[in-house]
Protein backbone atom coordinates (compact mmCIF):
# COMPACT_ATOMS: atom_id res chain seq x y z
CA MET A 1 0.00 0.00 0.00
CA ALA A 2 2.82 2.41 0.84
CA ASP A 3 4.48 1.58 -2.49
CA ARG A 4 1.23 2.34 -4.31
CA VAL A 5 0.88 5.75 -2.62
CA LYS A 6 4.55 6.52 -3.30
CA SER A 7 4.17 5.46 -6.94
CA SER A 8 1.04 7.54 -7.56
CA SER A 9 2.68 10.54 -5.86
CA SER A 10 5.78 10.22 -8.02
CA ARG A 11 3.63 9.89 -11.17
CA ALA A 12 1.74 13.03 -10.13
CA VAL A 13 4.97 14.97 -9.54
CA ILE A 14 6.43 13.85 -12.88
CA ALA A 15 3.21 14.66 -14.76
CA ALA A 16 2.88 18.09 -13.14
CA SER A 17 6.55 18.85 -13.83
CA MET A 18 6.17 17.87 -17.47
CA SER A 19 3.12 20.16 -17.70
CA ILE A 20 5.37 23.18 -17.51
CA VAL A 21 4.94 22.65 -21.26
CA PRO A 22 1.13 22.44 -21.32
CA GLY A 23 -0.23 19.06 -22.35
CA MET A 24 2.98 17.09 -21.89
CA GLY A 25 1.92 15.76 -18.48
CA GLN A 26 -1.34 14.53 -19.96
CA ILE A 27 0.55 12.79 -22.76
CA TYR A 28 2.83 11.20 -20.13
CA LEU A 29 -0.31 9.88 -18.42
CA HIS A 30 -1.53 8.45 -21.76
CA GLN A 31 -4.29 11.03 -22.17
CA ILE A 32 -3.16 11.91 -25.68
CA LEU A 33 -6.25 13.78 -26.92
CA ARG A 34 -6.45 15.94 -23.79
CA GLY A 35 -2.74 16.69 -24.06
CA LEU A 36 -3.01 17.68 -27.73
CA ILE A 37 -5.98 19.95 -27.02
CA LEU A 38 -4.01 21.72 -24.27
CA ILE A 39 -0.98 22.10 -26.55
CA LEU A 40 -3.19 23.57 -29.31
CA SER A 41 -4.88 25.93 -26.84
CA PHE A 42 -1.49 27.15 -25.63
CA ILE A 43 -0.20 27.67 -29.19
CA LEU A 44 -3.41 29.51 -30.12
CA ALA A 45 -2.99 31.84 -27.14
CA ILE A 46 0.59 32.61 -28.20
CA CYS A 47 -0.60 33.31 -31.76
CA ILE A 48 -3.35 35.65 -30.52
CA ILE A 49 -0.86 37.62 -28.42
CA TRP A 50 1.69 37.73 -31.26
CA PHE A 51 -0.98 38.84 -33.75
CA ALA A 52 -2.09 41.62 -31.40
CA MET A 53 1.46 42.85 -30.76
CA SER A 54 2.70 42.70 -34.36
CA ASN A 55 0.86 45.80 -35.72
CA LYS A 56 1.05 44.36 -39.23
CA GLU A 57 -1.55 44.28 -41.94
CA PHE A 58 -2.64 40.77 -42.77
CA LYS A 59 -4.12 39.77 -46.10
CA LEU A 60 -7.39 38.01 -45.43
CA LEU A 61 -8.15 37.11 -49.03
CA SER A 62 -7.72 38.13 -52.65
CA LEU A 63 -10.73 38.63 -54.93
CA ASN A 64 -10.35 39.51 -58.62
CA GLY A 65 -7.01 41.19 -58.04
CA LYS A 66 -8.22 43.12 -54.98
CA GLU A 67 -6.72 42.25 -51.62
CA ILE A 68 -8.75 42.49 -48.46
CA MET A 69 -6.41 43.50 -45.65
CA PHE A 70 -6.93 43.45 -41.90
CA ASN A 71 -4.98 45.58 -39.48
CA PRO A 72 -6.21 44.99 -35.92
CA ALA A 73 -4.40 48.09 -34.67
CA MET A 74 -6.73 50.22 -36.80
CA LYS A 75 -9.91 48.75 -35.34
CA ALA A 76 -11.50 50.01 -32.14
CA ILE A 77 -14.56 49.18 -30.10
CA GLN A 78 -16.77 51.91 -28.68
CA PHE A 79 -17.28 51.18 -24.98
CA GLY A 80 -19.34 53.93 -23.39
CA THR A 81 -17.38 57.11 -24.01
CA GLN A 82 -14.07 55.33 -24.58
CA ARG A 83 -12.67 53.65 -27.66
CA ILE A 84 -10.77 50.44 -26.92
CA ARG A 85 -8.39 49.09 -29.55
CA VAL A 86 -9.03 45.54 -30.68
CA THR A 87 -5.35 44.70 -30.15
CA ASP A 88 -5.63 45.60 -26.46
CA VAL A 89 -8.60 43.24 -26.07
CA MET A 90 -6.69 40.51 -27.93
CA LYS A 91 -3.64 40.92 -25.67
CA VAL A 92 -5.77 40.58 -22.54
CA THR A 93 -7.84 37.63 -23.75
CA GLY A 94 -4.78 35.87 -25.17
CA THR A 95 -2.91 36.30 -21.89
CA ILE A 96 -5.89 34.99 -19.89
CA GLN A 97 -6.11 31.96 -22.18
CA LEU A 98 -2.34 31.36 -21.94
CA VAL A 99 -2.26 31.50 -18.14
CA PHE A 100 -5.46 29.47 -17.72
CA THR A 101 -4.22 26.74 -20.09
CA TRP A 102 -0.86 26.55 -18.34
CA VAL A 103 -2.28 26.41 -14.78
CA TYR A 104 -5.06 23.99 -15.77
CA SER A 105 -2.53 21.69 -17.45
CA ILE A 106 -0.37 21.49 -14.30
CA VAL A 107 -3.30 21.01 -11.88
CA ASP A 108 -5.02 18.46 -14.13
CA ALA A 109 -1.80 16.46 -14.61
CA TRP A 110 -1.22 16.42 -10.83
CA ARG A 111 -4.80 15.33 -10.11
CA GLU A 112 -4.86 12.66 -12.84
CA GLY A 113 -1.43 11.36 -11.80
CA LYS A 114 -2.71 10.91 -8.25
CA ASN A 115 -5.93 9.20 -9.39
CA GLN A 116 -4.55 6.86 -12.03
CA PRO A 117 -4.24 3.27 -10.88
CA VAL A 118 -0.69 2.00 -10.68
CA SER A 119 0.01 -0.66 -13.31
CA THR A 120 1.54 -4.00 -12.33
CA GLN A 121 4.72 -3.03 -14.18
CA ASP A 122 5.08 0.14 -12.06
CA SER A 123 4.38 -1.69 -8.78
CA SER A 124 6.76 -4.55 -9.58
CA SER A 125 9.62 -2.12 -10.29
CA HIS A 126 9.06 -0.48 -6.88
CA SER A 127 8.95 -3.74 -4.96
CA GLU A 128 12.40 -4.92 -6.16
């Protein structure tokens, strides 16, 4: 019993440590889909922040020789009496998504590492 508790604790520590890169702890715990979703969420958050900070025009599409461009720095939202730039909103929401994904990945990996049953291979390596 003590070996099982020690083994599940060590799996939880390893999984949480690997989740410093979001999703890697879940992949370590054989939760591949969950890990890939967390990795994609983290990459998307980085892209949103980069897009908001770049101040570049991006070509959305080309129609009959005309290019439709998008520059988020030029767009603003009227909020009461203030105008808020779209890029500022994107920076905030991207940062919230980045931090949430990172923290969730670590906590979830810890919790799942603690709750996963120890396989016979893991318990036999601890008993030798």
